[in-house]
Amino acid sequence: TLILDLNRQWRGRGKWLLRALRQFNPAQANRLAAALHAANTGDT
């Protein structure tokens, strides 16, 4: 949300947050999805 706000992009909630980030910056969205998946397996 901070990244979106700084770039004056619309926010989202749940799946819409990832979609909003993907629309703005697909690489950042992919990075976040992978990072959250790793965090949920114990690697933060």
PDB file of all heavy atoms in Angstrom:
ATOM      1  N   THR A   1       0.830  -1.204   0.000  1.00  0.00           N
ATOM      2  CA  THR A   1       0.000   0.000   0.000  1.00  0.00           C
ATOM      3  C   THR A   1       0.864   1.252   0.000  1.00  0.00           C
ATOM      4  O   THR A   1       0.541   2.241  -0.680  1.00  0.00           O
ATOM      5  CB  THR A   1      -0.935  -0.007   1.217  1.00  0.00           C
ATOM      6  OG1 THR A   1      -1.827  -1.135   1.118  1.00  0.00           O
ATOM      7  CG2 THR A   1      -1.767   1.263   1.284  1.00  0.00           C
ATOM      8  N   LEU A   2       1.964   1.224   0.731  1.00  0.00           N
ATOM      9  CA  LEU A   2       2.871   2.375   0.754  1.00  0.00           C
ATOM     10  C   LEU A   2       3.425   2.647  -0.638  1.00  0.00           C
ATOM     11  O   LEU A   2       3.475   3.805  -1.086  1.00  0.00           O
ATOM     12  CB  LEU A   2       4.001   2.128   1.745  1.00  0.00           C
ATOM     13  CG  LEU A   2       5.081   3.209   1.842  1.00  0.00           C
ATOM     14  CD1 LEU A   2       4.475   4.565   2.186  1.00  0.00           C
ATOM     15  CD2 LEU A   2       6.139   2.809   2.868  1.00  0.00           C
ATOM     16  N   ILE A   3       3.829   1.610  -1.340  1.00  0.00           N
ATOM     17  CA  ILE A   3       4.345   1.792  -2.703  1.00  0.00           C
ATOM     18  C   ILE A   3       3.281   2.406  -3.606  1.00  0.00           C
ATOM     19  O   ILE A   3       3.543   3.350  -4.373  1.00  0.00           O
ATOM     20  CB  ILE A   3       4.832   0.452  -3.275  1.00  0.00           C
ATOM     21  CG1 ILE A   3       6.077  -0.030  -2.534  1.00  0.00           C
ATOM     22  CG2 ILE A   3       5.119   0.562  -4.772  1.00  0.00           C
ATOM     23  CD1 ILE A   3       6.499  -1.435  -2.898  1.00  0.00           C
ATOM     24  N   LEU A   4       2.059   1.897  -3.526  1.00  0.00           N
ATOM     25  CA  LEU A   4       0.971   2.427  -4.351  1.00  0.00           C
ATOM     26  C   LEU A   4       0.670   3.880  -3.997  1.00  0.00           C
ATOM     27  O   LEU A   4       0.502   4.728  -4.886  1.00  0.00           O
ATOM     28  CB  LEU A   4      -0.279   1.567  -4.185  1.00  0.00           C
ATOM     29  CG  LEU A   4      -0.177   0.144  -4.732  1.00  0.00           C
ATOM     30  CD1 LEU A   4      -1.370  -0.689  -4.279  1.00  0.00           C
ATOM     31  CD2 LEU A   4      -0.082   0.147  -6.262  1.00  0.00           C
ATOM     32  N   ASP A   5       0.604   4.174  -2.704  1.00  0.00           N
ATOM     33  CA  ASP A   5       0.296   5.540  -2.280  1.00  0.00           C
ATOM     34  C   ASP A   5       1.360   6.535  -2.732  1.00  0.00           C
ATOM     35  O   ASP A   5       1.044   7.644  -3.174  1.00  0.00           O
ATOM     36  CB  ASP A   5       0.176   5.608  -0.755  1.00  0.00           C
ATOM     37  CG  ASP A   5      -1.099   4.957  -0.232  1.00  0.00           C
ATOM     38  OD1 ASP A   5      -2.004   4.665  -1.041  1.00  0.00           O
ATOM     39  OD2 ASP A   5      -1.187   4.744   0.994  1.00  0.00           O
ATOM     40  N   LEU A   6       2.615   6.141  -2.620  1.00  0.00           N
ATOM     41  CA  LEU A   6       3.694   7.047  -3.016  1.00  0.00           C
ATOM     42  C   LEU A   6       3.633   7.376  -4.502  1.00  0.00           C
ATOM     43  O   LEU A   6       4.035   8.473  -4.917  1.00  0.00           O
ATOM     44  CB  LEU A   6       5.051   6.416  -2.693  1.00  0.00           C
ATOM     45  CG  LEU A   6       5.434   6.348  -1.211  1.00  0.00           C
ATOM     46  CD1 LEU A   6       6.673   5.492  -1.036  1.00  0.00           C
ATOM     47  CD2 LEU A   6       5.640   7.738  -0.636  1.00  0.00           C
ATOM     48  N   ASN A   7       3.112   6.445  -5.277  1.00  0.00           N
ATOM     49  CA  ASN A   7       3.047   6.640  -6.727  1.00  0.00           C
ATOM     50  C   ASN A   7       1.657   7.039  -7.205  1.00  0.00           C
ATOM     51  O   ASN A   7       1.381   6.996  -8.401  1.00  0.00           O
ATOM     52  CB  ASN A   7       3.495   5.358  -7.428  1.00  0.00           C
ATOM     53  CG  ASN A   7       4.979   5.109  -7.277  1.00  0.00           C
ATOM     54  OD1 ASN A   7       5.792   5.701  -7.992  1.00  0.00           O
ATOM     55  ND2 ASN A   7       5.351   4.249  -6.333  1.00  0.00           N
ATOM     56  N   ARG A   8       0.795   7.430  -6.249  1.00  0.00           N
ATOM     57  CA  ARG A   8      -0.570   7.878  -6.544  1.00  0.00           C
ATOM     58  C   ARG A   8      -1.313   6.869  -7.413  1.00  0.00           C
ATOM     59  O   ARG A   8      -1.930   7.197  -8.412  1.00  0.00           O
ATOM     60  CB  ARG A   8      -0.559   9.266  -7.176  1.00  0.00           C
ATOM     61  CG  ARG A   8      -0.061  10.368  -6.257  1.00  0.00           C
ATOM     62  CD  ARG A   8      -0.326  11.737  -6.832  1.00  0.00           C
ATOM     63  NE  ARG A   8      -1.761  11.962  -6.999  1.00  0.00           N
ATOM     64  CZ  ARG A   8      -2.280  13.017  -7.641  1.00  0.00           C
ATOM     65  NH1 ARG A   8      -1.471  13.920  -8.163  1.00  0.00           N
ATOM     66  NH2 ARG A   8      -3.584  13.154  -7.760  1.00  0.00           N
ATOM     67  N   GLN A   9      -1.234   5.620  -6.957  1.00  0.00           N
ATOM     68  CA  GLN A   9      -1.971   4.529  -7.574  1.00  0.00           C
ATOM     69  C   GLN A   9      -3.105   4.114  -6.634  1.00  0.00           C
ATOM     70  O   GLN A   9      -2.975   4.205  -5.413  1.00  0.00           O
ATOM     71  CB  GLN A   9      -1.048   3.332  -7.819  1.00  0.00           C
ATOM     72  CG  GLN A   9       0.124   3.622  -8.718  1.00  0.00           C
ATOM     73  CD  GLN A   9      -0.291   3.968 -10.134  1.00  0.00           C
ATOM     74  OE1 GLN A   9      -1.061   3.242 -10.756  1.00  0.00           O
ATOM     75  NE2 GLN A   9       0.219   5.078 -10.649  1.00  0.00           N
ATOM     76  N   TRP A  10      -4.198   3.657  -7.207  1.00  0.00           N
ATOM     77  CA  TRP A  10      -5.317   3.224  -6.377  1.00  0.00           C
ATOM     78  C   TRP A  10      -4.948   1.986  -5.583  1.00  0.00           C
ATOM     79  O   TRP A  10      -4.269   1.094  -6.081  1.00  0.00           O
ATOM     80  CB  TRP A  10      -6.546   2.942  -7.246  1.00  0.00           C
ATOM     81  CG  TRP A  10      -7.079   4.163  -7.921  1.00  0.00           C
ATOM     82  CD1 TRP A  10      -7.021   4.454  -9.242  1.00  0.00           C
ATOM     83  CD2 TRP A  10      -7.753   5.266  -7.288  1.00  0.00           C
ATOM     84  NE1 TRP A  10      -7.610   5.667  -9.492  1.00  0.00           N
ATOM     85  CE2 TRP A  10      -8.075   6.189  -8.315  1.00  0.00           C
ATOM     86  CE3 TRP A  10      -8.114   5.552  -5.973  1.00  0.00           C
ATOM     87  CZ2 TRP A  10      -8.746   7.381  -8.057  1.00  0.00           C
ATOM     88  CZ3 TRP A  10      -8.777   6.746  -5.715  1.00  0.00           C
ATOM     89  CH2 TRP A  10      -9.095   7.644  -6.748  1.00  0.00           C
ATOM     90  N   ARG A  11      -5.420   1.935  -4.347  1.00  0.00           N
ATOM     91  CA  ARG A  11      -5.178   0.793  -3.470  1.00  0.00           C
ATOM     92  C   ARG A  11      -6.151  -0.346  -3.779  1.00  0.00           C
ATOM     93  O   ARG A  11      -7.095  -0.204  -4.539  1.00  0.00           O
ATOM     94  CB  ARG A  11      -5.394   1.187  -2.010  1.00  0.00           C
ATOM     95  CG  ARG A  11      -4.472   2.220  -1.438  1.00  0.00           C
ATOM     96  CD  ARG A  11      -4.901   2.516  -0.002  1.00  0.00           C
ATOM     97  NE  ARG A  11      -4.061   3.520   0.641  1.00  0.00           N
ATOM     98  CZ  ARG A  11      -4.274   3.958   1.874  1.00  0.00           C
ATOM     99  NH1 ARG A  11      -5.295   3.478   2.580  1.00  0.00           N
ATOM    100  NH2 ARG A  11      -3.470   4.866   2.400  1.00  0.00           N
ATOM    101  N   GLY A  12      -5.930  -1.456  -3.095  1.00  0.00           N
ATOM    102  CA  GLY A  12      -6.864  -2.566  -3.115  1.00  0.00           C
ATOM    103  C   GLY A  12      -6.809  -3.285  -1.784  1.00  0.00           C
ATOM    104  O   GLY A  12      -5.980  -2.969  -0.925  1.00  0.00           O
ATOM    105  N   ARG A  13      -7.692  -4.257  -1.620  1.00  0.00           N
ATOM    106  CA  ARG A  13      -7.716  -5.054  -0.409  1.00  0.00           C
ATOM    107  C   ARG A  13      -7.781  -6.514  -0.817  1.00  0.00           C
ATOM    108  O   ARG A  13      -8.484  -6.871  -1.760  1.00  0.00           O
ATOM    109  CB  ARG A  13      -8.933  -4.679   0.456  1.00  0.00           C
ATOM    110  CG  ARG A  13      -8.987  -5.377   1.804  1.00  0.00           C
ATOM    111  CD  ARG A  13     -10.051  -4.756   2.680  1.00  0.00           C
ATOM    112  NE  ARG A  13     -11.336  -4.687   2.005  1.00  0.00           N
ATOM    113  CZ  ARG A  13     -12.229  -3.724   2.197  1.00  0.00           C
ATOM    114  NH1 ARG A  13     -11.962  -2.734   3.029  1.00  0.00           N
ATOM    115  NH2 ARG A  13     -13.379  -3.742   1.560  1.00  0.00           N
ATOM    116  N   GLY A  14      -7.043  -7.370  -0.099  1.00  0.00           N
ATOM    117  CA  GLY A  14      -7.022  -8.785  -0.458  1.00  0.00           C
ATOM    118  C   GLY A  14      -6.415  -8.971  -1.836  1.00  0.00           C
ATOM    119  O   GLY A  14      -5.364  -8.406  -2.167  1.00  0.00           O
ATOM    120  N   LYS A  15      -7.109  -9.739  -2.671  1.00  0.00           N
ATOM    121  CA  LYS A  15      -6.594  -9.995  -4.020  1.00  0.00           C
ATOM    122  C   LYS A  15      -6.473  -8.716  -4.839  1.00  0.00           C
ATOM    123  O   LYS A  15      -5.620  -8.609  -5.739  1.00  0.00           O
ATOM    124  CB  LYS A  15      -7.486 -10.996  -4.745  1.00  0.00           C
ATOM    125  CG  LYS A  15      -8.901 -10.489  -5.017  1.00  0.00           C
ATOM    126  CD  LYS A  15      -9.767 -11.566  -5.647  1.00  0.00           C
ATOM    127  CE  LYS A  15     -11.176 -11.058  -5.922  1.00  0.00           C
ATOM    128  NZ  LYS A  15     -12.054 -12.132  -6.472  1.00  0.00           N
ATOM    129  N   TRP A  16      -7.308  -7.718  -4.501  1.00  0.00           N
ATOM    130  CA  TRP A  16      -7.256  -6.472  -5.260  1.00  0.00           C
ATOM    131  C   TRP A  16      -5.993  -5.673  -4.972  1.00  0.00           C
ATOM    132  O   TRP A  16      -5.571  -4.859  -5.793  1.00  0.00           O
ATOM    133  CB  TRP A  16      -8.500  -5.635  -4.968  1.00  0.00           C
ATOM    134  CG  TRP A  16      -9.702  -6.165  -5.684  1.00  0.00           C
ATOM    135  CD1 TRP A  16     -10.717  -6.898  -5.168  1.00  0.00           C
ATOM    136  CD2 TRP A  16      -9.972  -6.021  -7.086  1.00  0.00           C
ATOM    137  NE1 TRP A  16     -11.612  -7.227  -6.157  1.00  0.00           N
ATOM    138  CE2 TRP A  16     -11.185  -6.697  -7.343  1.00  0.00           C
ATOM    139  CE3 TRP A  16      -9.320  -5.387  -8.138  1.00  0.00           C
ATOM    140  CZ2 TRP A  16     -11.741  -6.757  -8.602  1.00  0.00           C
ATOM    141  CZ3 TRP A  16      -9.882  -5.445  -9.403  1.00  0.00           C
ATOM    142  CH2 TRP A  16     -11.078  -6.120  -9.624  1.00  0.00           C
ATOM    143  N   LEU A  17      -5.382  -5.885  -3.817  1.00  0.00           N
ATOM    144  CA  LEU A  17      -4.111  -5.218  -3.542  1.00  0.00           C
ATOM    145  C   LEU A  17      -3.029  -5.737  -4.477  1.00  0.00           C
ATOM    146  O   LEU A  17      -2.281  -4.959  -5.082  1.00  0.00           O
ATOM    147  CB  LEU A  17      -3.705  -5.432  -2.090  1.00  0.00           C
ATOM    148  CG  LEU A  17      -2.326  -4.875  -1.696  1.00  0.00           C
ATOM    149  CD1 LEU A  17      -2.276  -3.371  -1.912  1.00  0.00           C
ATOM    150  CD2 LEU A  17      -2.004  -5.220  -0.247  1.00  0.00           C
ATOM    151  N   LEU A  18      -2.933  -7.059  -4.603  1.00  0.00           N
ATOM    152  CA  LEU A  18      -1.928  -7.620  -5.506  1.00  0.00           C
ATOM    153  C   LEU A  18      -2.217  -7.214  -6.948  1.00  0.00           C
ATOM    154  O   LEU A  18      -1.298  -6.909  -7.714  1.00  0.00           O
ATOM    155  CB  LEU A  18      -1.893  -9.144  -5.374  1.00  0.00           C
ATOM    156  CG  LEU A  18      -0.805  -9.840  -6.186  1.00  0.00           C
ATOM    157  CD1 LEU A  18       0.576  -9.402  -5.725  1.00  0.00           C
ATOM    158  CD2 LEU A  18      -0.940 -11.361  -6.077  1.00  0.00           C
ATOM    159  N   ARG A  19      -3.489  -7.186  -7.333  1.00  0.00           N
ATOM    160  CA  ARG A  19      -3.841  -6.780  -8.693  1.00  0.00           C
ATOM    161  C   ARG A  19      -3.459  -5.323  -8.952  1.00  0.00           C
ATOM    162  O   ARG A  19      -2.980  -4.980 -10.038  1.00  0.00           O
ATOM    163  CB  ARG A  19      -5.329  -6.994  -8.936  1.00  0.00           C
ATOM    164  CG  ARG A  19      -5.728  -8.454  -9.004  1.00  0.00           C
ATOM    165  CD  ARG A  19      -7.232  -8.624  -9.158  1.00  0.00           C
ATOM    166  NE  ARG A  19      -7.608 -10.027  -9.212  1.00  0.00           N
ATOM    167  CZ  ARG A  19      -8.859 -10.469  -9.349  1.00  0.00           C
ATOM    168  NH1 ARG A  19      -9.850  -9.592  -9.451  1.00  0.00           N
ATOM    169  NH2 ARG A  19      -9.117 -11.762  -9.392  1.00  0.00           N
ATOM    170  N   ALA A  20      -3.694  -4.463  -7.953  1.00  0.00           N
ATOM    171  CA  ALA A  20      -3.330  -3.054  -8.111  1.00  0.00           C
ATOM    172  C   ALA A  20      -1.820  -2.899  -8.271  1.00  0.00           C
ATOM    173  O   ALA A  20      -1.340  -2.135  -9.122  1.00  0.00           O
ATOM    174  CB  ALA A  20      -3.827  -2.251  -6.916  1.00  0.00           C
ATOM    175  N   LEU A  21      -1.065  -3.624  -7.448  1.00  0.00           N
ATOM    176  CA  LEU A  21       0.393  -3.546  -7.553  1.00  0.00           C
ATOM    177  C   LEU A  21       0.864  -4.137  -8.877  1.00  0.00           C
ATOM    178  O   LEU A  21       1.781  -3.599  -9.509  1.00  0.00           O
ATOM    179  CB  LEU A  21       1.037  -4.280  -6.376  1.00  0.00           C
ATOM    180  CG  LEU A  21       2.561  -4.173  -6.267  1.00  0.00           C
ATOM    181  CD1 LEU A  21       2.998  -2.720  -6.123  1.00  0.00           C
ATOM    182  CD2 LEU A  21       3.073  -4.999  -5.088  1.00  0.00           C
ATOM    183  N   ARG A  22       0.238  -5.214  -9.313  1.00  0.00           N
ATOM    184  CA  ARG A  22       0.631  -5.835 -10.587  1.00  0.00           C
ATOM    185  C   ARG A  22       0.350  -4.914 -11.762  1.00  0.00           C
ATOM    186  O   ARG A  22       1.127  -4.847 -12.720  1.00  0.00           O
ATOM    187  CB  ARG A  22      -0.083  -7.168 -10.757  1.00  0.00           C
ATOM    188  CG  ARG A  22       0.271  -7.890 -12.065  1.00  0.00           C
ATOM    189  CD  ARG A  22      -0.155  -9.339 -12.043  1.00  0.00           C
ATOM    190  NE  ARG A  22       0.709 -10.137 -11.187  1.00  0.00           N
ATOM    191  CZ  ARG A  22       0.292 -10.942 -10.222  1.00  0.00           C
ATOM    192  NH1 ARG A  22      -1.000 -11.057  -9.960  1.00  0.00           N
ATOM    193  NH2 ARG A  22       1.152 -11.636  -9.507  1.00  0.00           N
ATOM    194  N   GLN A  23      -0.760  -4.182 -11.703  1.00  0.00           N
ATOM    195  CA  GLN A  23      -1.060  -3.244 -12.777  1.00  0.00           C
ATOM    196  C   GLN A  23      -0.023  -2.129 -12.832  1.00  0.00           C
ATOM    197  O   GLN A  23       0.368  -1.680 -13.912  1.00  0.00           O
ATOM    198  CB  GLN A  23      -2.457  -2.658 -12.583  1.00  0.00           C
ATOM    199  CG  GLN A  23      -2.887  -1.715 -13.703  1.00  0.00           C
ATOM    200  CD  GLN A  23      -4.309  -1.231 -13.533  1.00  0.00           C
ATOM    201  OE1 GLN A  23      -4.932  -1.421 -12.484  1.00  0.00           O
ATOM    202  NE2 GLN A  23      -4.849  -0.598 -14.551  1.00  0.00           N
ATOM    203  N   PHE A  24       0.428  -1.683 -11.649  1.00  0.00           N
ATOM    204  CA  PHE A  24       1.421  -0.613 -11.602  1.00  0.00           C
ATOM    205  C   PHE A  24       2.819  -1.111 -11.922  1.00  0.00           C
ATOM    206  O   PHE A  24       3.555  -0.486 -12.693  1.00  0.00           O
ATOM    207  CB  PHE A  24       1.398   0.038 -10.216  1.00  0.00           C
ATOM    208  CG  PHE A  24       2.541   0.979  -9.973  1.00  0.00           C
ATOM    209  CD1 PHE A  24       2.691   2.118 -10.747  1.00  0.00           C
ATOM    210  CD2 PHE A  24       3.474   0.711  -8.974  1.00  0.00           C
ATOM    211  CE1 PHE A  24       3.761   2.985 -10.519  1.00  0.00           C
ATOM    212  CE2 PHE A  24       4.539   1.569  -8.745  1.00  0.00           C
ATOM    213  CZ  PHE A  24       4.681   2.716  -9.526  1.00  0.00           C
ATOM    214  N   ASN A  25       3.210  -2.239 -11.304  1.00  0.00           N
ATOM    215  CA  ASN A  25       4.574  -2.734 -11.448  1.00  0.00           C
ATOM    216  C   ASN A  25       4.562  -4.256 -11.331  1.00  0.00           C
ATOM    217  O   ASN A  25       4.630  -4.793 -10.226  1.00  0.00           O
ATOM    218  CB  ASN A  25       5.483  -2.117 -10.377  1.00  0.00           C
ATOM    219  CG  ASN A  25       6.945  -2.409 -10.589  1.00  0.00           C
ATOM    220  OD1 ASN A  25       7.320  -3.501 -10.990  1.00  0.00           O
ATOM    221  ND2 ASN A  25       7.798  -1.434 -10.305  1.00  0.00           N
ATOM    222  N   PRO A  26       4.438  -4.973 -12.440  1.00  0.00           N
ATOM    223  CA  PRO A  26       4.344  -6.435 -12.381  1.00  0.00           C
ATOM    224  C   PRO A  26       5.515  -7.091 -11.666  1.00  0.00           C
ATOM    225  O   PRO A  26       5.329  -8.074 -10.935  1.00  0.00           O
ATOM    226  CB  PRO A  26       4.292  -6.843 -13.856  1.00  0.00           C
ATOM    227  CG  PRO A  26       3.773  -5.638 -14.569  1.00  0.00           C
ATOM    228  CD  PRO A  26       4.304  -4.466 -13.817  1.00  0.00           C
ATOM    229  N   ALA A  27       6.714  -6.566 -11.831  1.00  0.00           N
ATOM    230  CA  ALA A  27       7.881  -7.173 -11.181  1.00  0.00           C
ATOM    231  C   ALA A  27       7.770  -7.063  -9.663  1.00  0.00           C
ATOM    232  O   ALA A  27       8.090  -8.016  -8.939  1.00  0.00           O
ATOM    233  CB  ALA A  27       9.168  -6.506 -11.678  1.00  0.00           C
ATOM    234  N   GLN A  28       7.324  -5.907  -9.178  1.00  0.00           N
ATOM    235  CA  GLN A  28       7.153  -5.742  -7.743  1.00  0.00           C
ATOM    236  C   GLN A  28       6.065  -6.672  -7.202  1.00  0.00           C
ATOM    237  O   GLN A  28       6.183  -7.231  -6.111  1.00  0.00           O
ATOM    238  CB  GLN A  28       6.788  -4.287  -7.412  1.00  0.00           C
ATOM    239  CG  GLN A  28       7.937  -3.299  -7.529  1.00  0.00           C
ATOM    240  CD  GLN A  28       8.836  -3.338  -6.301  1.00  0.00           C
ATOM    241  OE1 GLN A  28       9.335  -4.392  -5.906  1.00  0.00           O
ATOM    242  NE2 GLN A  28       9.049  -2.176  -5.688  1.00  0.00           N
ATOM    243  N   ALA A  29       5.000  -6.833  -7.960  1.00  0.00           N
ATOM    244  CA  ALA A  29       3.919  -7.725  -7.534  1.00  0.00           C
ATOM    245  C   ALA A  29       4.410  -9.163  -7.438  1.00  0.00           C
ATOM    246  O   ALA A  29       4.112  -9.880  -6.471  1.00  0.00           O
ATOM    247  CB  ALA A  29       2.740  -7.616  -8.493  1.00  0.00           C
ATOM    248  N   ASN A  30       5.158  -9.599  -8.430  1.00  0.00           N
ATOM    249  CA  ASN A  30       5.703 -10.964  -8.399  1.00  0.00           C
ATOM    250  C   ASN A  30       6.673 -11.141  -7.234  1.00  0.00           C
ATOM    251  O   ASN A  30       6.697 -12.188  -6.576  1.00  0.00           O
ATOM    252  CB  ASN A  30       6.393 -11.275  -9.723  1.00  0.00           C
ATOM    253  CG  ASN A  30       5.414 -11.370 -10.880  1.00  0.00           C
ATOM    254  OD1 ASN A  30       4.220 -11.610 -10.675  1.00  0.00           O
ATOM    255  ND2 ASN A  30       5.902 -11.174 -12.092  1.00  0.00           N
ATOM    256  N   ARG A  31       7.466 -10.103  -7.004  1.00  0.00           N
ATOM    257  CA  ARG A  31       8.417 -10.166  -5.880  1.00  0.00           C
ATOM    258  C   ARG A  31       7.671 -10.281  -4.551  1.00  0.00           C
ATOM    259  O   ARG A  31       8.040 -11.073  -3.687  1.00  0.00           O
ATOM    260  CB  ARG A  31       9.291  -8.919  -5.897  1.00  0.00           C
ATOM    261  CG  ARG A  31      10.333  -8.893  -4.788  1.00  0.00           C
ATOM    262  CD  ARG A  31      11.067  -7.560  -4.753  1.00  0.00           C
ATOM    263  NE  ARG A  31      11.958  -7.486  -3.592  1.00  0.00           N
ATOM    264  CZ  ARG A  31      12.507  -6.361  -3.144  1.00  0.00           C
ATOM    265  NH1 ARG A  31      12.257  -5.210  -3.759  1.00  0.00           N
ATOM    266  NH2 ARG A  31      13.292  -6.380  -2.078  1.00  0.00           N
ATOM    267  N   LEU A  32       6.608  -9.490  -4.390  1.00  0.00           N
ATOM    268  CA  LEU A  32       5.845  -9.529  -3.145  1.00  0.00           C
ATOM    269  C   LEU A  32       5.169 -10.882  -2.956  1.00  0.00           C
ATOM    270  O   LEU A  32       5.195 -11.447  -1.854  1.00  0.00           O
ATOM    271  CB  LEU A  32       4.797  -8.420  -3.129  1.00  0.00           C
ATOM    272  CG  LEU A  32       3.853  -8.419  -1.926  1.00  0.00           C
ATOM    273  CD1 LEU A  32       4.635  -8.270  -0.627  1.00  0.00           C
ATOM    274  CD2 LEU A  32       2.806  -7.319  -2.059  1.00  0.00           C
ATOM    275  N   ALA A  33       4.564 -11.410  -4.006  1.00  0.00           N
ATOM    276  CA  ALA A  33       3.882 -12.702  -3.891  1.00  0.00           C
ATOM    277  C   ALA A  33       4.862 -13.796  -3.483  1.00  0.00           C
ATOM    278  O   ALA A  33       4.558 -14.630  -2.616  1.00  0.00           O
ATOM    279  CB  ALA A  33       3.200 -13.045  -5.215  1.00  0.00           C
ATOM    280  N   ALA A  34       6.039 -13.799  -4.088  1.00  0.00           N
ATOM    281  CA  ALA A  34       7.043 -14.804  -3.742  1.00  0.00           C
ATOM    282  C   ALA A  34       7.546 -14.612  -2.317  1.00  0.00           C
ATOM    283  O   ALA A  34       7.752 -15.585  -1.579  1.00  0.00           O
ATOM    284  CB  ALA A  34       8.209 -14.733  -4.729  1.00  0.00           C
ATOM    285  N   ALA A  35       7.726 -13.353  -1.912  1.00  0.00           N
ATOM    286  CA  ALA A  35       8.221 -13.072  -0.565  1.00  0.00           C
ATOM    287  C   ALA A  35       7.207 -13.494   0.495  1.00  0.00           C
ATOM    288  O   ALA A  35       7.573 -14.053   1.535  1.00  0.00           O
ATOM    289  CB  ALA A  35       8.538 -11.583  -0.430  1.00  0.00           C
ATOM    290  N   LEU A  36       5.937 -13.240   0.233  1.00  0.00           N
ATOM    291  CA  LEU A  36       4.912 -13.622   1.209  1.00  0.00           C
ATOM    292  C   LEU A  36       4.779 -15.134   1.295  1.00  0.00           C
ATOM    293  O   LEU A  36       4.614 -15.694   2.387  1.00  0.00           O
ATOM    294  CB  LEU A  36       3.577 -12.985   0.828  1.00  0.00           C
ATOM    295  CG  LEU A  36       2.428 -13.195   1.813  1.00  0.00           C
ATOM    296  CD1 LEU A  36       2.804 -12.709   3.206  1.00  0.00           C
ATOM    297  CD2 LEU A  36       1.171 -12.497   1.317  1.00  0.00           C
ATOM    298  N   HIS A  37       4.897 -15.800   0.165  1.00  0.00           N
ATOM    299  CA  HIS A  37       4.858 -17.269   0.175  1.00  0.00           C
ATOM    300  C   HIS A  37       6.023 -17.822   0.997  1.00  0.00           C
ATOM    301  O   HIS A  37       5.840 -18.732   1.825  1.00  0.00           O
ATOM    302  CB  HIS A  37       4.919 -17.809  -1.251  1.00  0.00           C
ATOM    303  CG  HIS A  37       4.983 -19.302  -1.312  1.00  0.00           C
ATOM    304  ND1 HIS A  37       3.885 -20.109  -1.066  1.00  0.00           N
ATOM    305  CD2 HIS A  37       6.025 -20.142  -1.575  1.00  0.00           C
ATOM    306  CE1 HIS A  37       4.247 -21.377  -1.163  1.00  0.00           C
ATOM    307  NE2 HIS A  37       5.525 -21.421  -1.489  1.00  0.00           N
ATOM    308  N   ALA A  38       7.215 -17.271   0.795  1.00  0.00           N
ATOM    309  CA  ALA A  38       8.379 -17.731   1.561  1.00  0.00           C
ATOM    310  C   ALA A  38       8.197 -17.447   3.050  1.00  0.00           C
ATOM    311  O   ALA A  38       8.547 -18.273   3.903  1.00  0.00           O
ATOM    312  CB  ALA A  38       9.645 -17.056   1.042  1.00  0.00           C
ATOM    313  N   ALA A  39       7.636 -16.282   3.372  1.00  0.00           N
ATOM    314  CA  ALA A  39       7.432 -15.934   4.780  1.00  0.00           C
ATOM    315  C   ALA A  39       6.476 -16.911   5.451  1.00  0.00           C
ATOM    316  O   ALA A  39       6.656 -17.268   6.621  1.00  0.00           O
ATOM    317  CB  ALA A  39       6.900 -14.510   4.898  1.00  0.00           C
ATOM    318  N   ASN A  40       5.481 -17.355   4.707  1.00  0.00           N
ATOM    319  CA  ASN A  40       4.515 -18.287   5.282  1.00  0.00           C
ATOM    320  C   ASN A  40       5.074 -19.697   5.431  1.00  0.00           C
ATOM    321  O   ASN A  40       4.428 -20.555   6.043  1.00  0.00           O
ATOM    322  CB  ASN A  40       3.247 -18.297   4.435  1.00  0.00           C
ATOM    323  CG  ASN A  40       2.428 -17.030   4.618  1.00  0.00           C
ATOM    324  OD1 ASN A  40       2.480 -16.398   5.670  1.00  0.00           O
ATOM    325  ND2 ASN A  40       1.687 -16.646   3.594  1.00  0.00           N
ATOM    326  N   THR A  41       6.257 -19.931   4.880  1.00  0.00           N
ATOM    327  CA  THR A  41       6.951 -21.207   5.118  1.00  0.00           C
ATOM    328  C   THR A  41       8.104 -21.041   6.108  1.00  0.00           C
ATOM    329  O   THR A  41       8.884 -21.974   6.311  1.00  0.00           O
ATOM    330  CB  THR A  41       7.490 -21.786   3.793  1.00  0.00           C
ATOM    331  OG1 THR A  41       8.455 -20.888   3.240  1.00  0.00           O
ATOM    332  CG2 THR A  41       6.358 -22.013   2.796  1.00  0.00           C
ATOM    333  N   GLY A  42       8.213 -19.825   6.680  1.00  0.00           N
ATOM    334  CA  GLY A  42       9.201 -19.600   7.723  1.00  0.00           C
ATOM    335  C   GLY A  42      10.389 -18.744   7.345  1.00  0.00           C
ATOM    336  O   GLY A  42      11.185 -18.381   8.212  1.00  0.00           O
ATOM    337  N   ASP A  43      10.538 -18.394   6.071  1.00  0.00           N
ATOM    338  CA  ASP A  43      11.677 -17.592   5.624  1.00  0.00           C
ATOM    339  C   ASP A  43      11.196 -16.164   5.375  1.00  0.00           C
ATOM    340  O   ASP A  43      10.584 -15.874   4.341  1.00  0.00           O
ATOM    341  CB  ASP A  43      12.274 -18.193   4.354  1.00  0.00           C
ATOM    342  CG  ASP A  43      13.492 -17.427   3.862  1.00  0.00           C
ATOM    343  OD1 ASP A  43      13.867 -16.417   4.511  1.00  0.00           O
ATOM    344  OD2 ASP A  43      14.061 -17.829   2.824  1.00  0.00           O
ATOM    345  N   THR A  44      11.467 -15.261   6.293  1.00  0.00           N
ATOM    346  CA  THR A  44      10.943 -13.898   6.205  1.00  0.00           C
ATOM    347  C   THR A  44      11.915 -12.907   5.571  1.00  0.00           C
ATOM    348  O   THR A  44      11.588 -11.723   5.440  1.00  0.00           O
ATOM    349  CB  THR A  44      10.578 -13.392   7.607  1.00  0.00           C
ATOM    350  OG1 THR A  44      11.769 -13.372   8.429  1.00  0.00           O
ATOM    351  CG2 THR A  44       9.519 -14.280   8.258  1.00  0.00           C
TER     352      THR A  44
END
